[in-house]
Amino acid sequence: MPPLVIDLRRTEDARDVVHRAVQALAEGCCVAFPTETDYVVAASGRRDDAANRLASIVVPRPGEPLLSLALKSADEAIDWAPRISPTGRRLARRCWPGPVSMLVPDNHPESLVHRLPEASRAGVVGDGRLRLRVPGHQLLADCMRMLPGPVMLAEPESGGSLAVTAADVVSSAGSVVSLIIDDGRTQYAQPPSTIELSDRGFRMVRPGVVGEEALRRLSSLMVLFVCTGNTCRSPMAEALFRIMAAERLGCEPDEIERHGVVVASAGLAAWGGGPASMGAVEAMREMGGNLGGHESQPLTESLVAQADVILTMTASHRAAILAQFPEAGGRLAMLSPDRRDVIDPVGGSIDTYRSCARQIHGHLTARMDTLGIEPPDA
């Protein structure tokens, strides 16, 4: 019996399609969904019979699992790969939902993979690895939120290429698919980028939408310093951190981005485009830093989302950020390890700025070993 095809573009209410797809998945059926890259065939991870049908349409890849695990969000990655590396966490937060699949080790006793039925576990584990993905299509995301348990994905191929239309799914996987959600040709019509994570980074397994150089940038450690106006304390912290990171990496301060470290600063009440205060510029000049080209910027949702570490000058700064962005709590701390406020030098003498700079330098020295910045030969 040929699969039922629902044209999403001609549907008055997508919620009806979501409910129908969720019901089919819950009953053990295989359902084809569009993603931003290709069409995938999905099934409930709680159904061994569905896992076997999915596995039957996949072309095996050496050293990889037959099936991918679809996650609702980047936050779920730790449930399946509790030892996922810092690089993996950064890429997950910045790339998902999106066209990137990650191969991660299946080597942790607390991974949820051990709770899957036997056939499902065999499908999603291959050579000690899991392949994780958060597809960037709203309908599939809506279905996953409503379906209890995990979702497994197969990527059918038509004529040696991934399926990028509903017709491709019919020709490559029509024998096992009960329902196809047709949303036209996929946005990119090319494979997702597949990478394998390691303790120190990643390697490209199969190129796709996101290039390796872009992934290198996205995997960088981003440290964000926050004060009030972004003209004194946080710019000095940024400048000093750049110098100290460069010393660890064996490069010049303006080269740390090439070594995977990004630093920025912002203010809770900053005006965009303002220069650093003259006292801060002079204090940094004496300590080898350069604030001549600094332009203040306000703290934004995007900056908070991108930062791996957010360090504030005072307890009130931290509390204000936590109140507005509670999801950042695990990445947010005061610059001072012992939670002492950094003095505000605004309106003070150059000696006040020097004292503030020395205080910031001392806190950074205490913090550097905790940030994961390792020299090239480490």
Foldseek 3Di string as FASTA:
>chain_A
DFAAEDEPVPDPDLVVVLVVVLVCQVVFAWEWEFFQAFIKIKHFLQDLVNLVLLLVLFDDDPQFAQKAWADLALVCVCLQVVPFALLSSLCRLVAPQHQEKEKEFRDDPRRCLVVTPDNSSNRQAGNRIGIYHHTHDVSVSSNQVVHPHIMIIHFGAAPNATHQFPVSCCVRRRVRHRYYYGHDGRNNNWHRFYWYDDNVHIDTDDDIDDDPVNSLLSSAAEEEEEEAAQQAQRVLLQQLVLCVLCVQAVHHSVCVSVVRYHYYYAHQHYDWFDAHDPLRQVLQVVVVGHRPPDTHHHDDPVVLSNHQAYEYQAPVVQVVCCVVCVVSVVRYDHLAPVHDHQDDQVPHDSVSSNVSSVVSNVSCVVCVVVRPRHYPVD
